[in-house]
Protein backbone atom coordinates (compact mmCIF):
# COMPACT_ATOMS: atom_id res chain seq x y z
CA MET A 1 -20.92 26.17 -8.14
CA THR A 2 -19.06 23.52 -6.18
CA MET A 3 -16.78 24.96 -3.49
CA PRO A 4 -13.13 24.02 -4.09
CA ARG A 5 -12.14 21.44 -1.51
CA TRP A 6 -8.83 23.06 -0.63
CA PHE A 7 -10.90 25.04 1.93
CA ALA A 8 -11.72 21.73 3.60
CA LEU A 9 -8.09 20.66 3.35
CA THR A 10 -6.98 23.88 5.05
CA ALA A 11 -9.45 23.26 7.85
CA MET A 12 -8.18 19.72 8.27
CA LEU A 13 -4.59 20.90 8.46
CA ALA A 14 -5.55 23.44 11.13
CA VAL A 15 -6.28 20.58 13.49
CA GLY A 16 -2.49 20.23 13.67
CA SER A 17 -1.01 17.21 15.40
CA LEU A 18 -4.30 15.30 15.26
CA LEU A 19 -3.73 14.69 11.57
CA HIS A 20 -0.72 13.09 9.94
CA ALA A 21 -1.55 14.22 6.40
CA ALA A 22 -4.28 15.84 4.35
CA THR A 23 -6.32 13.61 2.08
CA ILE A 24 -8.71 14.19 -0.80
CA ASP A 25 -11.26 11.90 -2.47
CA PHE A 26 -11.06 11.54 -6.24
CA SER A 27 -12.25 8.85 -8.68
CA GLY A 28 -13.47 6.61 -5.87
CA ARG A 29 -10.14 6.61 -3.99
CA THR A 30 -8.67 8.54 -1.09
CA TRP A 31 -5.40 10.25 -2.01
CA THR A 32 -2.74 11.67 0.27
CA VAL A 33 -1.98 15.32 -0.51
CA ARG A 34 1.71 16.10 -0.28
CA ASP A 35 2.70 18.86 2.15
CA GLN A 36 6.49 19.25 2.04
CA ALA A 37 8.98 22.08 1.66
CA ASN A 38 12.20 22.20 -0.35
CA SER A 39 12.12 18.64 -1.64
CA GLY A 40 12.39 16.80 -4.93
CA PRO A 41 11.66 16.91 -7.70
CA GLY A 42 12.91 20.40 -8.32
CA PRO A 43 13.47 21.02 -5.46
CA ASN A 44 10.04 22.53 -4.80
CA THR A 45 7.59 23.17 -2.02
CA PHE A 46 4.40 21.11 -2.31
CA SER A 47 1.30 22.67 -0.74
CA PRO A 48 -2.18 21.21 -0.10
CA GLN A 49 -3.68 24.56 -1.08
CA ASN A 50 -2.76 23.74 -4.69
CA VAL A 51 -5.02 20.66 -4.80
CA TRP A 52 -8.82 20.53 -4.93
CA THR A 53 -11.70 18.79 -6.67
CA ASP A 54 -14.91 19.99 -8.28
CA SER A 55 -17.26 18.70 -10.95
CA ALA A 56 -14.48 18.95 -13.56
CA GLY A 57 -12.10 16.66 -11.65
CA LEU A 58 -8.88 16.95 -9.68
CA HIS A 59 -7.10 20.31 -9.94
CA LEU A 60 -3.33 20.51 -9.60
CA GLN A 61 -1.84 24.00 -9.50
CA ILE A 62 1.46 25.84 -9.35
CA ALA A 63 0.79 29.10 -7.51
CA ARG A 64 2.30 31.65 -5.19
CA ASP A 65 1.63 31.26 -1.47
CA ALA A 66 1.01 34.01 1.09
CA SER A 67 4.75 34.78 1.09
CA SER A 68 4.76 35.08 -2.73
CA ASP A 69 6.84 31.90 -3.05
CA TRP A 70 6.02 29.47 -5.84
CA THR A 71 4.49 26.20 -4.61
CA CYS A 72 3.51 23.00 -6.42
CA ALA A 73 1.01 20.13 -6.14
CA GLU A 74 1.12 16.36 -5.67
CA VAL A 75 -1.19 13.54 -4.61
CA TYR A 76 -0.52 9.84 -4.22
CA LEU A 77 -2.27 6.68 -3.11
CA PRO A 78 -1.23 5.13 0.21
CA ALA A 79 -0.88 1.55 -1.06
CA SER A 80 0.45 -0.41 -4.02
CA LEU A 81 -1.94 -1.27 -6.86
CA GLY A 82 0.48 -3.59 -8.65
CA TYR A 83 0.37 -4.84 -12.22
CA GLY A 84 -2.40 -3.36 -14.31
CA ARG A 85 -3.61 -0.54 -16.51
CA TYR A 86 -3.23 2.97 -15.07
CA MET A 87 -5.42 5.41 -16.99
CA PHE A 88 -5.47 9.19 -16.48
CA GLN A 89 -7.83 11.49 -18.36
CA VAL A 90 -6.21 14.92 -18.66
CA ALA A 91 -8.86 17.59 -19.21
CA ALA A 92 -6.34 20.36 -19.92
CA ASP A 93 -4.08 21.36 -22.76
CA THR A 94 -0.66 20.53 -21.34
CA THR A 95 1.04 21.88 -24.45
CA GLN A 96 0.27 25.35 -23.10
CA LEU A 97 2.13 24.84 -19.83
CA HIS A 98 5.09 27.06 -19.03
CA PRO A 99 8.31 25.37 -20.28
CA GLN A 100 9.45 24.79 -16.68
CA ALA A 101 6.18 23.16 -15.59
CA VAL A 102 6.03 19.35 -15.50
CA LEU A 103 2.92 17.20 -15.23
CA GLY A 104 3.82 13.76 -13.90
CA LEU A 105 1.53 10.70 -13.92
CA PHE A 106 3.50 7.79 -12.55
CA THR A 107 4.20 4.91 -10.19
CA TYR A 108 7.14 5.41 -7.85
CA ALA A 109 9.07 3.15 -5.50
CA ASP A 110 12.43 4.94 -5.80
CA ASP A 111 14.39 6.82 -8.44
CA THR A 112 15.28 3.65 -10.37
CA HIS A 113 11.91 1.89 -10.00
CA GLU A 114 9.48 4.29 -11.58
CA ILE A 115 7.13 4.30 -14.58
CA ASP A 116 6.30 7.76 -15.97
CA ILE A 117 4.05 9.69 -18.27
CA GLU A 118 5.36 13.26 -18.30
CA SER A 119 4.25 16.42 -20.08
CA SER A 120 6.88 19.17 -20.25
CA ARG A 121 9.42 21.01 -22.36
CA TRP A 122 11.89 20.70 -19.48
CA GLY A 123 12.80 24.37 -19.33
CA ASN A 124 13.46 24.73 -23.06
CA ALA A 125 10.64 26.45 -24.92
CA SER A 126 12.20 25.47 -28.25
CA ASN A 127 12.00 21.72 -27.58
CA SER A 128 10.00 20.14 -30.39
CA TRP A 129 8.78 17.33 -28.13
CA ASN A 130 6.54 17.92 -25.11
CA GLN A 131 5.66 14.41 -23.91
CA GLN A 132 7.66 11.43 -22.75
CA PHE A 133 7.16 7.85 -21.58
CA VAL A 134 9.84 6.53 -19.24
CA THR A 135 10.80 3.51 -17.21
CA GLN A 136 13.58 4.63 -14.89
CA PRO A 137 16.47 5.06 -15.01
CA TYR A 138 15.82 7.13 -18.12
CA ASP A 139 19.46 7.38 -19.19
CA ARG A 140 20.28 3.74 -19.85
CA ALA A 141 22.65 3.15 -22.76
CA GLY A 142 20.76 2.53 -25.97
CA GLY A 143 17.90 4.89 -25.13
CA ASN A 144 15.27 2.18 -24.78
CA ASN A 145 13.98 3.48 -21.43
CA ILE A 146 12.60 6.75 -22.77
CA HIS A 147 10.33 7.69 -25.67
CA ARG A 148 9.69 11.34 -26.53
CA PHE A 149 7.12 12.77 -28.92
CA THR A 150 5.09 15.85 -29.72
CA GLN A 151 1.46 16.28 -28.74
CA GLY A 152 -0.48 18.87 -30.69
CA ALA A 153 -2.40 21.71 -29.09
CA GLY A 154 -6.17 22.00 -28.75
CA LEU A 155 -7.02 18.28 -28.64
CA GLY A 156 -9.47 18.48 -25.75
CA THR A 157 -9.32 15.72 -23.17
CA VAL A 158 -6.36 13.40 -23.69
CA THR A 159 -6.34 9.94 -22.12
CA CYS A 160 -2.89 8.84 -20.99
CA TYR A 161 -2.25 5.33 -19.78
CA PHE A 162 0.34 2.68 -19.24
CA GLU A 163 -0.16 -1.05 -18.90
CA TRP A 164 2.36 -2.65 -16.56
CA GLN A 165 2.96 -6.39 -16.76
CA PRO A 166 5.84 -8.62 -15.56
CA ASP A 167 7.44 -8.71 -19.02
CA ARG A 168 6.30 -5.46 -20.68
CA ILE A 169 5.17 -1.89 -20.22
CA PHE A 170 2.96 -0.31 -22.86
CA TRP A 171 2.11 3.41 -22.96
CA GLN A 172 -0.38 5.31 -25.06
CA ASN A 173 -1.76 8.86 -25.24
CA TYR A 174 -4.92 9.26 -27.28
CA GLN A 175 -7.56 11.84 -27.92
CA GLY A 176 -10.92 11.45 -26.21
CA THR A 177 -12.43 9.95 -23.08
CA SER A 178 -13.16 6.38 -24.11
CA LEU A 179 -11.86 3.82 -21.63
CA VAL A 180 -11.26 1.47 -24.55
CA PRO A 181 -7.93 2.47 -26.12
CA PRO A 182 -7.88 2.86 -29.91
CA ALA A 183 -5.71 0.73 -32.14
CA VAL A 184 -2.10 1.85 -32.29
CA GLY A 185 -1.65 3.97 -35.39
CA SER A 186 -5.28 5.07 -35.50
CA ALA A 187 -6.21 8.72 -35.97
CA ALA A 188 -6.95 9.11 -32.24
CA THR A 189 -3.52 7.88 -31.15
CA ILE A 190 -1.10 10.68 -30.24
CA GLY A 191 1.85 8.59 -29.11
CA SER A 192 2.60 5.02 -28.01
CA TYR A 193 5.57 2.93 -26.96
CA GLU A 194 6.37 -0.56 -25.68
CA TYR A 195 9.27 -1.61 -23.47
CA THR A 196 9.79 -5.33 -23.01
CA SER A 197 12.02 -7.54 -20.90
CA ALA A 198 13.94 -8.33 -24.11
CA MET A 199 14.97 -4.66 -24.30
CA GLY A 200 16.32 -4.34 -20.77
CA SER A 201 15.92 -5.19 -17.10
CA ASP A 202 14.05 -2.08 -15.96
CA ILE A 203 10.50 -3.38 -15.56
CA PRO A 204 9.78 -2.85 -11.84
CA THR A 205 8.17 -5.47 -9.65
CA PRO A 206 5.21 -4.32 -7.55
CA GLY A 207 5.12 -3.94 -3.80
CA SER A 208 6.52 -0.65 -2.54
CA GLU A 209 5.43 1.58 -5.42
CA ARG A 210 2.64 4.14 -5.17
CA VAL A 211 0.75 5.90 -7.95
CA HIS A 212 1.31 9.68 -8.02
CA MET A 213 0.10 12.72 -9.90
CA ASN A 214 2.02 15.97 -9.62
CA LEU A 215 2.57 19.38 -11.17
CA TRP A 216 5.96 20.90 -10.43
CA LEU A 217 8.74 23.22 -11.63
CA TYR A 218 11.76 21.81 -13.43
CA GLY A 219 14.81 23.31 -11.77
CA GLY A 220 12.75 24.39 -8.78
CA ALA A 221 11.16 27.65 -7.79
CA ALA A 222 14.57 29.31 -7.41
CA SER A 223 15.13 29.11 -11.17
CA ALA A 224 11.59 30.10 -12.16
CA ALA A 225 11.61 32.45 -15.10
CA GLY A 226 10.33 35.99 -14.70
CA ASN A 227 7.41 35.29 -17.01
CA LEU A 228 6.11 32.39 -14.91
CA THR A 229 2.42 32.66 -14.05
CA SER A 230 0.11 30.30 -12.16
CA GLN A 231 -0.21 26.94 -13.91
CA GLU A 232 -3.11 24.50 -13.63
CA VAL A 233 -3.99 21.04 -14.91
CA VAL A 234 -7.29 19.21 -14.40
CA ILE A 235 -7.36 15.42 -14.22
CA GLY A 236 -10.86 14.37 -15.20
CA SER A 237 -10.56 10.81 -13.87
CA PHE A 238 -8.21 8.04 -12.81
CA THR A 239 -9.01 4.40 -13.57
CA PHE A 240 -7.06 1.31 -12.58
CA THR A 241 -7.68 -2.17 -13.96
CA SER A 242 -5.77 -4.99 -12.32
CA ILE A 243 -3.85 -7.56 -14.34
CA PRO A 244 -3.24 -10.72 -12.29
CA GLU A 245 0.27 -12.09 -12.12
CA PRO A 246 0.78 -15.18 -14.30
CA ALA A 247 -0.16 -18.40 -12.55
CA LEU A 248 2.60 -20.83 -11.68
CA VAL A 249 2.29 -23.89 -13.89
CA LEU A 250 3.77 -27.07 -12.43
CA LEU A 251 4.86 -29.50 -15.12
CA ILE A 252 4.77 -33.13 -13.98
CA PRO A 253 6.09 -35.91 -16.23
CA ALA A 254 3.49 -38.44 -17.33
CA ALA A 255 4.91 -41.20 -15.08
CA GLY A 256 4.85 -38.85 -12.12
CA MET A 257 1.26 -37.89 -12.82
CA LEU A 258 0.23 -41.57 -12.87
CA CYS A 259 1.84 -42.09 -9.46
CA LEU A 260 0.10 -38.95 -8.16
CA LEU A 261 -3.28 -40.13 -9.39
CA ARG A 262 -2.77 -43.57 -7.80
CA SER A 263 -1.87 -41.98 -4.47
CA MET A 264 -5.06 -39.90 -4.69
CA GLY A 265 -7.17 -42.99 -5.46
CA ARG A 266 -8.09 -41.70 -8.90
CA THR A 267 -7.09 -44.89 -10.74
CA GLY A 268 -7.12 -48.57 -9.83
CA LYS A 269 -4.60 -49.70 -12.37
């Protein structure tokens, strides 16, 4: 049995001022583990003891700490990845999460420059939908920035991804672990959505964003229902595939091109 790595994280944190933040290795990348009290979203307390890896993947947990206070989990990468395909394989049935629990898979620069995949019933157990795709701000007039849908229970590993380009964002959840997404509308597809620059101006530009994964309580620990128990999600893998920015094409009139070629000695006419 592989020892959960939160023991190692605790040992690292014990070094105190020698370390600025705990880190954990997952899917070939080194992630920063959030350690922060009474902060958003929620507000919640985020504890490194709720994050570890083993052969199943990255574990994110909501659990009580030594003082019996509810604490949450978050990791993020220290640098921008930019345009590309962000693919998360969720090896847990998020439909069984407590209604207040939220799984977030997202890029974040600030509250209005954020691309989300979120699994939650947002505190309302009777909500028919339990998944949403968002480009923030979610509450733009017209409703184009958010797409909600229902994911069925017992589907096994679900691959969730978004593809971020300068003029479009495309999201898809599908059943299985293939890194090749199925055709939209196929039996494996659970939900999909596309937001384009023709629909609004809320496609972020890369630079200051970071990719995050978190598990937290909607409304914060203070509003946690009496029936709340420890919650856990396992992320089997994270994969990023870069999409280069479009090349700048310089259009030169034919007469100008002839002059350019002459100056370069490419024609003697």
